[in-house]
Amino acid sequence: GFLGTVLAPTVFAGLLGVVALLLLIPQRTRRFGIVVLVLLVIVGVPLGTTPVANFVIRPLEDGYTAVEDPKALADSLGEEIRWVVVLGAGHASDSRAAHPGRLGSEALYRLAEGIRLWRALPGARLHLSGWSGPDLVSHAEVVAVAAAARSLGVSEDALALASEDALALASEDALALAPESRDTQEEARAVADRISTEERFLLVTSAVHMDRAIFLFESEGLRPIPAPAYFYSFNLATLVLGDFLPRPENYAKVDAAVHEYLGILWAHIIVIG
């Protein structure tokens, strides 16, 4: 939401920088403006380096590893895994782009991982969710069309989406769309309406988002198995000189991490409070 956007470190720093520049204009506040700008540089430059950005985000990602062999996992659990739940991310229903290209990078990673897991589990179904946001088409529908494309090899019969428009698209067993799933909590509730609390299922989302997702899904009485699909940080054998210089991708890591730390705090407040 708006508050989360404003509290993103890059946005907050930008707004603070504008305020600092305005403070330089009047003589009486110039010194304070200089202090703010210096602090922004002292804090902002290190946050853009790979070691510091990874230090911020790794606690959220290090607890999870990809599910390499879901069939072997099901065998080890002694129960069948019949659902692969893929959480929504960004999209734009721009007709200039091919269907997979209308998904944001994280959404595409999640979908690709969901399809990989689904293919390894005969008879399993994909559950896709996500609302439209500022777009005219829900994320669930955009992802479904991308997944059903021949290049990705998923038939509509294998899909389950969260949306009210199911009957307009196919039989209830084939598709169920729900663009009202605006956030992770609502996605968890949509899944709880479809999957039994006794049943284990694979939950596919970005690694940085997994802590919050698992907490919210378990708060609905569900039994998710984490299946991370996208990592911001990687284990690098060595660091090169460029890693100690500020990079846009490192600021993106910090933004994502702070967003999740705030999201986890908010999730505990709304669930426990």
Protein backbone atom coordinates (compact mmCIF):
# COMPACT_ATOMS: atom_id res chain seq x y z
CA GLY A 1 0.00 0.00 0.00
CA PHE A 2 0.87 3.69 0.10
CA LEU A 3 2.47 3.50 3.55
CA GLY A 4 4.63 0.54 2.55
CA THR A 5 5.79 2.41 -0.54
CA VAL A 6 6.71 5.53 1.43
CA LEU A 7 8.61 3.46 4.01
CA ALA A 8 10.70 1.71 1.36
CA PRO A 9 14.28 2.87 2.08
CA THR A 10 14.90 4.25 -1.41
CA VAL A 11 11.63 6.19 -1.49
CA PHE A 12 12.02 7.41 2.09
CA ALA A 13 15.61 8.47 1.42
CA GLY A 14 14.54 10.28 -1.74
CA LEU A 15 11.81 12.19 0.09
CA LEU A 16 14.20 12.98 2.92
CA GLY A 17 16.75 14.20 0.39
CA VAL A 18 14.22 16.58 -1.13
CA VAL A 19 13.39 17.93 2.34
CA ALA A 20 17.11 18.34 3.07
CA LEU A 21 17.62 20.31 -0.15
CA LEU A 22 14.72 22.58 0.76
CA LEU A 23 16.30 23.12 4.17
CA LEU A 24 19.43 24.43 2.46
CA ILE A 25 17.54 27.45 1.12
CA PRO A 26 16.83 29.38 4.36
CA GLN A 27 19.99 30.42 6.19
CA ARG A 28 18.67 29.35 9.60
CA THR A 29 18.05 25.70 8.54
CA ARG A 30 21.02 25.27 6.18
CA ARG A 31 23.24 23.54 8.71
CA PHE A 32 20.52 21.01 9.55
CA GLY A 33 19.96 20.33 5.85
CA ILE A 34 23.67 19.64 5.37
CA VAL A 35 23.66 17.23 8.32
CA VAL A 36 20.70 15.33 6.84
CA LEU A 37 22.38 15.06 3.43
CA VAL A 38 25.63 13.83 4.97
CA LEU A 39 23.75 11.20 6.99
CA LEU A 40 21.91 10.07 3.85
CA VAL A 41 25.23 9.53 2.10
CA ILE A 42 26.82 7.77 5.10
CA VAL A 43 23.88 5.37 5.43
CA GLY A 44 22.75 5.16 1.81
CA VAL A 45 26.03 4.32 0.10
CA PRO A 46 26.81 1.20 2.21
CA LEU A 47 23.23 -0.07 1.81
CA GLY A 48 23.80 -0.19 -1.93
CA THR A 49 26.78 -2.54 -1.64
CA THR A 50 26.40 -6.29 -2.03
CA PRO A 51 27.74 -7.35 1.42
CA VAL A 52 25.49 -4.95 3.34
CA ALA A 53 22.39 -5.56 1.21
CA ASN A 54 22.85 -9.32 1.56
CA PHE A 55 23.32 -8.93 5.32
CA VAL A 56 19.94 -7.18 5.49
CA ILE A 57 18.00 -9.68 3.38
CA ARG A 58 19.68 -13.02 4.13
CA PRO A 59 17.89 -13.65 7.47
CA LEU A 60 14.63 -13.79 5.51
CA GLU A 61 15.91 -16.09 2.76
CA ASP A 62 18.42 -18.42 4.40
CA GLY A 63 15.82 -20.59 6.10
CA TYR A 64 14.50 -21.97 2.82
CA THR A 65 15.73 -24.12 -0.05
CA ALA A 66 14.00 -25.11 -3.26
CA VAL A 67 12.06 -28.39 -3.41
CA GLU A 68 14.18 -30.29 -5.92
CA ASP A 69 12.12 -33.49 -6.02
CA PRO A 70 8.50 -33.02 -4.89
CA LYS A 71 7.65 -36.68 -5.55
CA ALA A 72 10.42 -37.83 -3.21
CA LEU A 73 9.24 -35.26 -0.67
CA ALA A 74 5.70 -36.64 -0.84
CA ASP A 75 7.02 -40.17 -0.37
CA SER A 76 9.06 -39.10 2.65
CA LEU A 77 5.96 -37.47 4.16
CA GLY A 78 3.91 -40.56 3.48
CA GLU A 79 1.11 -38.58 1.88
CA GLU A 80 0.08 -37.35 -1.54
CA ILE A 81 0.70 -33.73 -2.55
CA ARG A 82 -2.23 -32.72 -4.75
CA TRP A 83 -1.85 -28.94 -4.81
CA VAL A 84 0.80 -26.45 -5.87
CA VAL A 85 -0.19 -22.97 -4.67
CA VAL A 86 1.50 -20.08 -6.48
CA LEU A 87 1.12 -16.66 -4.87
CA GLY A 88 0.63 -13.54 -6.97
CA ALA A 89 3.14 -10.82 -7.84
CA GLY A 90 3.32 -7.95 -10.31
CA HIS A 91 1.84 -7.95 -13.81
CA ALA A 92 0.72 -5.67 -16.62
CA SER A 93 -1.87 -6.87 -19.14
CA ASP A 94 -0.16 -5.05 -22.03
CA SER A 95 -1.18 -6.54 -25.38
CA ARG A 96 2.21 -5.67 -26.87
CA ALA A 97 3.85 -8.38 -24.77
CA ALA A 98 3.48 -12.14 -25.11
CA HIS A 99 1.49 -13.66 -22.25
CA PRO A 100 4.50 -14.74 -20.14
CA GLY A 101 6.06 -11.33 -20.74
CA ARG A 102 3.14 -9.61 -19.03
CA LEU A 103 4.29 -10.96 -15.69
CA GLY A 104 6.83 -9.23 -13.46
CA SER A 105 10.13 -11.02 -12.97
CA GLU A 106 9.21 -12.45 -9.57
CA ALA A 107 5.79 -13.55 -10.82
CA LEU A 108 7.39 -15.33 -13.77
CA TYR A 109 9.89 -17.10 -11.51
CA ARG A 110 7.04 -18.20 -9.23
CA LEU A 111 4.97 -19.46 -12.14
CA ALA A 112 7.91 -21.33 -13.68
CA GLU A 113 8.69 -23.00 -10.36
CA GLY A 114 5.03 -23.83 -9.81
CA ILE A 115 4.85 -25.49 -13.22
CA ARG A 116 8.06 -27.44 -12.56
CA LEU A 117 6.66 -28.80 -9.31
CA TRP A 118 3.25 -29.49 -10.86
CA ARG A 119 4.83 -31.52 -13.67
CA ALA A 120 6.65 -33.66 -11.12
CA LEU A 121 3.39 -34.50 -9.32
CA PRO A 122 1.00 -36.48 -11.55
CA GLY A 123 -2.59 -35.49 -10.92
CA ALA A 124 -1.72 -32.35 -8.97
CA ARG A 125 -3.35 -28.99 -9.65
CA LEU A 126 -2.08 -25.42 -9.73
CA HIS A 127 -3.79 -22.83 -7.57
CA LEU A 128 -3.11 -19.29 -8.83
CA SER A 129 -4.24 -16.07 -7.19
CA GLY A 130 -3.88 -12.30 -7.22
CA TRP A 131 -6.06 -9.27 -7.86
CA SER A 132 -5.88 -6.67 -10.60
CA GLY A 133 -4.44 -3.77 -8.61
CA PRO A 134 -4.34 -0.75 -10.96
CA ASP A 135 -4.74 -3.07 -13.97
CA LEU A 136 -8.02 -4.05 -15.65
CA VAL A 137 -7.26 -7.77 -15.50
CA SER A 138 -6.61 -9.73 -12.31
CA HIS A 139 -3.16 -11.15 -11.71
CA ALA A 140 -4.69 -14.62 -11.42
CA GLU A 141 -6.08 -14.36 -14.94
CA VAL A 142 -2.82 -13.06 -16.42
CA VAL A 143 -0.88 -15.89 -14.77
CA ALA A 144 -3.46 -18.44 -15.88
CA VAL A 145 -3.25 -17.40 -19.51
CA ALA A 146 0.54 -17.51 -19.33
CA ALA A 147 0.46 -20.94 -17.72
CA ALA A 148 -2.05 -22.29 -20.24
CA ALA A 149 0.07 -21.13 -23.17
CA ARG A 150 1.47 -24.01 -25.20
CA SER A 151 5.01 -22.86 -24.56
CA LEU A 152 4.48 -23.56 -20.86
CA GLY A 153 2.49 -26.73 -21.41
CA VAL A 154 -0.25 -26.48 -18.79
CA SER A 155 -3.80 -27.43 -19.70
CA GLU A 156 -6.73 -25.49 -18.23
CA ASP A 157 -7.98 -28.67 -16.55
CA ALA A 158 -4.89 -28.62 -14.34
CA LEU A 159 -5.43 -25.04 -13.21
CA ALA A 160 -7.32 -23.67 -10.24
CA LEU A 161 -7.43 -19.91 -9.92
CA ALA A 162 -8.98 -17.78 -7.28
CA SER A 163 -11.78 -15.68 -8.99
CA GLU A 164 -15.55 -15.37 -9.01
CA ASP A 165 -15.71 -15.57 -12.82
CA ALA A 166 -15.06 -19.30 -13.01
CA LEU A 167 -18.28 -20.33 -14.73
CA ALA A 168 -17.77 -17.79 -17.49
CA LEU A 169 -14.45 -19.37 -18.42
CA ALA A 170 -14.82 -23.07 -17.82
CA SER A 171 -16.36 -25.69 -15.60
CA GLU A 172 -15.98 -25.18 -11.87
CA ASP A 173 -13.54 -28.08 -11.67
CA ALA A 174 -11.27 -26.55 -14.30
CA LEU A 175 -11.06 -22.91 -13.25
CA ALA A 176 -12.06 -20.85 -10.24
CA LEU A 177 -10.93 -17.23 -10.44
CA ALA A 178 -10.63 -14.80 -7.49
CA PRO A 179 -9.25 -11.36 -8.18
CA GLU A 180 -10.37 -10.27 -4.72
CA SER A 181 -7.19 -11.79 -3.20
CA ARG A 182 -5.45 -8.47 -2.69
CA ASP A 183 -2.75 -9.53 -0.24
CA THR A 184 -1.16 -12.59 1.33
CA GLN A 185 -3.78 -12.90 4.05
CA GLU A 186 -6.61 -12.90 1.52
CA GLU A 187 -4.71 -15.42 -0.62
CA ALA A 188 -4.44 -17.66 2.43
CA ARG A 189 -8.19 -17.38 3.02
CA ALA A 190 -8.90 -18.20 -0.64
CA VAL A 191 -6.75 -21.32 -0.36
CA ALA A 192 -8.47 -22.29 2.90
CA ASP A 193 -11.78 -22.29 1.02
CA ARG A 194 -10.42 -24.85 -1.43
CA ILE A 195 -7.84 -27.02 0.33
CA SER A 196 -8.51 -29.09 3.44
CA THR A 197 -6.65 -28.20 6.62
CA GLU A 198 -5.62 -31.86 6.77
CA GLU A 199 -3.84 -31.71 3.43
CA ARG A 200 -0.21 -30.76 2.78
CA PHE A 201 0.51 -28.60 -0.27
CA LEU A 202 3.45 -26.80 -1.84
CA LEU A 203 3.46 -23.04 -1.34
CA VAL A 204 5.39 -21.20 -4.03
CA THR A 205 6.48 -17.62 -3.46
CA SER A 206 9.69 -15.61 -3.29
CA ALA A 207 12.08 -16.70 -0.53
CA VAL A 208 12.05 -13.24 1.04
CA HIS A 209 8.25 -13.44 1.32
CA MET A 210 8.10 -16.99 2.68
CA ASP A 211 8.25 -16.24 6.43
CA ARG A 212 5.19 -14.00 6.24
CA ALA A 213 3.34 -16.31 3.86
CA ILE A 214 3.89 -19.41 6.01
CA PHE A 215 2.77 -17.54 9.13
CA LEU A 216 -0.44 -16.29 7.51
CA PHE A 217 -1.29 -19.62 5.89
CA GLU A 218 -0.71 -21.53 9.13
CA SER A 219 -2.85 -18.99 10.98
CA GLU A 220 -5.71 -20.18 8.73
CA GLY A 221 -5.09 -23.75 9.91
CA LEU A 222 -3.40 -24.76 6.64
CA ARG A 223 -0.33 -26.98 6.25
CA PRO A 224 1.92 -25.39 3.62
CA ILE A 225 5.27 -26.79 2.54
CA PRO A 226 7.62 -23.93 1.61
CA ALA A 227 8.81 -24.03 -2.00
CA PRO A 228 10.78 -20.81 -2.62
CA ALA A 229 11.00 -19.71 -6.24
CA TYR A 230 13.06 -16.52 -6.28
CA PHE A 231 16.11 -15.45 -4.29
CA TYR A 232 17.51 -11.94 -4.11
CA SER A 233 20.80 -13.00 -2.52
CA PHE A 234 23.17 -15.76 -3.55
CA ASN A 235 26.13 -17.46 -1.91
CA LEU A 236 29.09 -15.93 -3.73
CA ALA A 237 32.44 -17.73 -3.59
CA THR A 238 34.32 -14.44 -3.71
CA LEU A 239 33.49 -10.77 -3.75
CA VAL A 240 34.88 -8.51 -6.46
CA LEU A 241 35.58 -4.80 -6.26
CA GLY A 242 32.27 -3.95 -7.92
CA ASP A 243 30.40 -5.61 -5.05
CA PHE A 244 31.57 -2.82 -2.75
CA LEU A 245 30.09 -0.11 -4.97
CA PRO A 246 26.41 0.92 -4.77
CA ARG A 247 24.20 -0.89 -7.29
CA PRO A 248 20.48 -0.54 -8.06
CA GLU A 249 19.86 -4.26 -7.51
CA ASN A 250 21.24 -3.99 -3.98
CA TYR A 251 18.87 -1.15 -3.14
CA ALA A 252 16.08 -3.38 -4.49
CA LYS A 253 17.18 -6.08 -2.01
CA VAL A 254 17.03 -3.64 0.89
CA ASP A 255 13.61 -2.36 -0.20
CA ALA A 256 12.29 -5.93 -0.43
CA ALA A 257 13.73 -6.86 2.96
CA VAL A 258 12.33 -3.82 4.77
CA HIS A 259 8.95 -4.39 3.10
CA GLU A 260 8.91 -7.94 4.48
CA TYR A 261 10.10 -7.01 7.97
CA LEU A 262 7.27 -4.49 8.16
CA GLY A 263 4.88 -7.02 6.63
CA ILE A 264 5.80 -9.67 9.20
CA LEU A 265 5.25 -7.17 12.01
CA TRP A 266 1.87 -6.18 10.58
CA ALA A 267 0.87 -9.84 10.07
CA HIS A 268 1.54 -10.61 13.72
CA ILE A 269 -0.44 -7.55 14.78
CA ILE A 270 -3.54 -8.43 12.76
CA VAL A 271 -3.44 -12.15 13.60
CA ILE A 272 -2.44 -12.06 17.26
CA GLY A 273 -3.94 -8.65 18.02
